[in-house]
Structures are given as structure tokens and as C-alpha cells.
Amino acid sequence: MHRNQAQADQTVVGRLTQIADPALNRLSFTALLPALVERTAEALGAEGVVLYLADETGILQVRASVGDGVDVDAAPDLVALVADTQMRHRDGRAGAVAIVSEGVLIGVLFARSHDRRFSDEDMLLLQVAGNRCASAAAAAQLRATKRRLEAGARPGIPVPR
């Protein structure tokens, strides 16, 4: 019995490590997003994962995706569904989590599987990935604000990318 629990714990740690890997911290924001989406798909065994983040106007846009089986144009529907942080489709083969920064919904991370149902553990893992996206977005926003201030611009004026 203890051996099975130890193996299960190792599996959980291994899956979490894929998403929490400190090596991802070295990537730029634009490189981090697709890497994190790909690792999330691998950790969940999902056929498709899509990351939607709000643009400057608040409209959700696809920022990274991998695989198939997901509707990249479903952002407005997803926002309504994940208003309470996370949602799992009734068949258990799809899940979405809200990406929140400073109490504001800034995105949605959606995963889909054809063959397996997402467990509570899977949904927590998806939330960890969403939280990582939120932290990365907040850090990117801070860097952009710093660049604007260093350039003498006022906060709120977009900096060309």
C-alpha cells in the first residue's frame, strides 16, 4: 500500500515539476507562454491546450495553443463559464481555469482531452499553470511600465513591442 502511494506521489511531483520548472524563469514572456502551454498539455495528457489573455482593450486573444480538439474562438463563452475560478465540462474531458491578477480576470487556460477525464488533481494542476501565467503577465506588465517610465512616457500609454 505504501509503495503505491509513494509512486502516486512521485507522479504528482513529476507533473507539477513540468509546470513549476525554474528553468522556465529564464524565458521571455513571449517564449514562456507557448512553453508553459506545451508543458501543461504534457502534464495533463491533454490533446489540446489554449491560453487566452486579455489585450490592452480587455478582449481575450489566443496567446498560445498546442494540439487539437479546442475551439480557439471560444473565448467569450469561456469567460462566462470560468467566472468562479474553474470549470470542468460535464463529460470531464475539458476544463478551464480563470487567470486572475490583482483580482481582475485577465485570461483563461483551457484544456481538452479526447480519451481521458480530468480529475480534481488535474484541475489543480491546470490552476497552477494558470497562476503561473498570471504571475508572468504581472511581471511583464511591471517591466513594460518600467520601460515607459524610463523613456519618460506616462503610464497607460502603450509601448510598441
Protein backbone atom coordinates (compact mmCIF):
# COMPACT_ATOMS: atom_id res chain seq x y z
CA MET A 1 0.00 0.00 0.00
CA HIS A 2 2.77 2.43 0.89
CA ARG A 3 4.61 1.65 -2.34
CA ASN A 4 1.55 2.57 -4.46
CA GLN A 5 1.12 5.84 -2.55
CA ALA A 6 4.81 6.66 -2.99
CA GLN A 7 4.55 6.03 -6.73
CA ALA A 8 1.43 8.19 -6.96
CA ASP A 9 3.19 10.97 -5.03
CA GLN A 10 6.16 10.79 -7.41
CA THR A 11 3.80 11.08 -10.37
CA VAL A 12 2.15 14.17 -8.88
CA VAL A 13 5.52 15.76 -8.15
CA GLY A 14 6.77 14.96 -11.66
CA ARG A 15 3.70 16.52 -13.27
CA LEU A 16 3.95 19.60 -11.06
CA THR A 17 7.66 19.94 -11.81
CA GLN A 18 6.89 20.19 -15.54
CA ILE A 19 4.92 23.37 -14.86
CA ALA A 20 6.92 24.77 -11.94
CA ASP A 21 10.35 24.16 -13.52
CA PRO A 22 12.62 27.10 -12.56
CA ALA A 23 14.30 26.88 -15.98
CA LEU A 24 11.16 28.50 -17.42
CA ASN A 25 12.04 31.67 -15.46
CA ARG A 26 14.86 32.34 -17.92
CA LEU A 27 12.44 32.68 -20.84
CA SER A 28 10.97 35.93 -22.05
CA PHE A 29 7.24 36.40 -21.55
CA THR A 30 6.51 35.65 -25.21
CA ALA A 31 8.65 32.49 -25.11
CA LEU A 32 7.31 31.38 -21.72
CA LEU A 33 3.66 31.21 -22.77
CA PRO A 34 3.97 28.55 -25.50
CA ALA A 35 6.45 26.57 -23.40
CA LEU A 36 4.09 26.60 -20.43
CA VAL A 37 1.10 25.63 -22.59
CA GLU A 38 3.04 22.72 -24.08
CA ARG A 39 4.18 21.52 -20.66
CA THR A 40 0.65 21.82 -19.33
CA ALA A 41 -0.63 19.63 -22.16
CA GLU A 42 2.06 17.05 -21.42
CA ALA A 43 1.42 17.08 -17.67
CA LEU A 44 -2.32 16.65 -18.15
CA GLY A 45 -2.13 14.22 -21.04
CA ALA A 46 -4.36 16.67 -22.92
CA GLU A 47 -4.68 16.69 -26.69
CA GLY A 48 -5.16 20.45 -26.74
CA VAL A 49 -4.47 23.45 -24.51
CA VAL A 50 -5.23 27.08 -25.32
CA LEU A 51 -4.16 30.16 -23.38
CA TYR A 52 -6.30 33.27 -23.79
CA LEU A 53 -5.05 36.57 -22.34
CA ALA A 54 -6.71 39.96 -22.42
CA ASP A 55 -5.19 42.53 -24.75
CA GLU A 56 -4.90 46.26 -23.89
CA THR A 57 -8.64 46.70 -24.56
CA GLY A 58 -9.65 43.77 -22.33
CA ILE A 59 -10.58 41.43 -25.21
CA LEU A 60 -9.34 37.86 -24.80
CA GLN A 61 -6.91 36.78 -27.50
CA VAL A 62 -5.19 33.45 -28.10
CA ARG A 63 -1.62 33.88 -26.88
CA ALA A 64 -0.50 30.25 -27.11
CA SER A 65 -2.00 26.91 -28.10
CA VAL A 66 -0.94 23.35 -28.68
CA GLY A 67 -2.66 20.30 -30.09
CA ASP A 68 -6.15 19.89 -31.38
CA GLY A 69 -9.65 19.45 -30.06
CA VAL A 70 -10.05 23.01 -28.83
CA ASP A 71 -12.01 25.89 -30.29
CA VAL A 72 -9.66 28.87 -30.26
CA ASP A 73 -12.61 31.19 -30.95
CA ALA A 74 -14.48 30.17 -27.79
CA ALA A 75 -13.02 32.88 -25.51
CA PRO A 76 -16.27 34.79 -24.80
CA ASP A 77 -18.05 31.59 -23.78
CA LEU A 78 -15.14 30.53 -21.59
CA VAL A 79 -15.13 33.79 -19.64
CA ALA A 80 -18.74 33.25 -18.61
CA LEU A 81 -18.04 29.64 -17.64
CA VAL A 82 -14.97 30.21 -15.50
CA ALA A 83 -16.18 33.27 -13.65
CA ASP A 84 -15.91 31.22 -10.45
CA THR A 85 -12.23 30.32 -10.99
CA GLN A 86 -12.55 26.93 -12.68
CA MET A 87 -14.92 24.74 -14.61
CA ARG A 88 -14.92 21.16 -15.78
CA HIS A 89 -17.13 20.09 -18.68
CA ARG A 90 -19.88 17.66 -17.72
CA ASP A 91 -18.14 14.84 -19.60
CA GLY A 92 -14.92 15.57 -17.67
CA ARG A 93 -12.83 15.75 -20.83
CA ALA A 94 -12.44 19.53 -20.84
CA GLY A 95 -11.51 22.01 -18.18
CA ALA A 96 -10.83 25.70 -17.92
CA VAL A 97 -9.41 27.93 -15.21
CA ALA A 98 -9.54 31.66 -14.76
CA ILE A 99 -6.27 33.55 -14.87
CA VAL A 100 -6.58 36.34 -12.32
CA SER A 101 -4.13 39.10 -11.48
CA GLU A 102 -4.82 41.56 -8.67
CA GLY A 103 -8.42 40.40 -8.54
CA VAL A 104 -9.03 41.03 -12.26
CA LEU A 105 -9.77 38.27 -14.77
CA ILE A 106 -7.01 38.60 -17.37
CA GLY A 107 -7.33 35.28 -19.13
CA VAL A 108 -8.46 31.70 -19.37
CA LEU A 109 -6.46 28.49 -19.68
CA PHE A 110 -8.44 25.73 -21.40
CA ALA A 111 -7.54 22.05 -21.83
CA ARG A 112 -9.26 19.27 -23.74
CA SER A 113 -8.76 15.51 -23.86
CA HIS A 114 -10.41 13.02 -26.17
CA ASP A 115 -9.52 9.90 -24.20
CA ARG A 116 -9.44 10.73 -20.51
CA ARG A 117 -11.44 12.57 -17.91
CA PHE A 118 -9.75 15.30 -15.89
CA SER A 119 -9.56 14.53 -12.19
CA ASP A 120 -9.64 17.04 -9.33
CA GLU A 121 -5.84 16.72 -9.28
CA ASP A 122 -5.71 17.59 -12.99
CA MET A 123 -7.83 20.67 -12.39
CA LEU A 124 -5.49 21.78 -9.60
CA LEU A 125 -2.55 21.30 -11.94
CA LEU A 126 -4.32 23.38 -14.59
CA GLN A 127 -4.90 26.08 -11.95
CA VAL A 128 -1.19 26.04 -11.03
CA ALA A 129 -0.37 26.62 -14.70
CA GLY A 130 -2.95 29.43 -14.83
CA ASN A 131 -1.43 31.02 -11.74
CA ARG A 132 1.99 30.83 -13.36
CA CYS A 133 0.58 32.65 -16.40
CA ALA A 134 -0.89 35.33 -14.13
CA SER A 135 2.45 35.86 -12.39
CA ALA A 136 4.26 36.06 -15.72
CA ALA A 137 1.72 38.56 -17.08
CA ALA A 138 2.05 40.74 -13.98
CA ALA A 139 5.85 40.69 -14.26
CA ALA A 140 5.66 41.58 -17.95
CA GLN A 141 3.33 44.47 -17.14
CA LEU A 142 5.76 45.74 -14.50
CA ARG A 143 8.64 45.59 -16.98
CA ALA A 144 6.59 47.49 -19.57
CA THR A 145 5.69 50.17 -17.01
CA LYS A 146 9.33 50.48 -16.03
CA ARG A 147 10.35 50.90 -19.69
CA ARG A 148 7.70 53.59 -20.16
CA LEU A 149 8.85 55.45 -17.07
CA GLU A 150 12.49 55.20 -18.11
CA ALA A 151 11.54 56.53 -21.54
CA GLY A 152 9.72 59.46 -19.93
CA ALA A 153 6.29 58.29 -21.01
CA ARG A 154 3.26 58.31 -18.76
CA PRO A 155 1.83 55.00 -17.50
CA GLY A 156 -1.08 53.88 -19.62
CA ILE A 157 0.48 54.89 -22.92
CA PRO A 158 1.27 51.72 -24.87
CA VAL A 159 4.88 50.95 -25.60
CA PRO A 160 5.47 49.49 -29.08
CA ARG A 161 6.55 45.86 -28.99
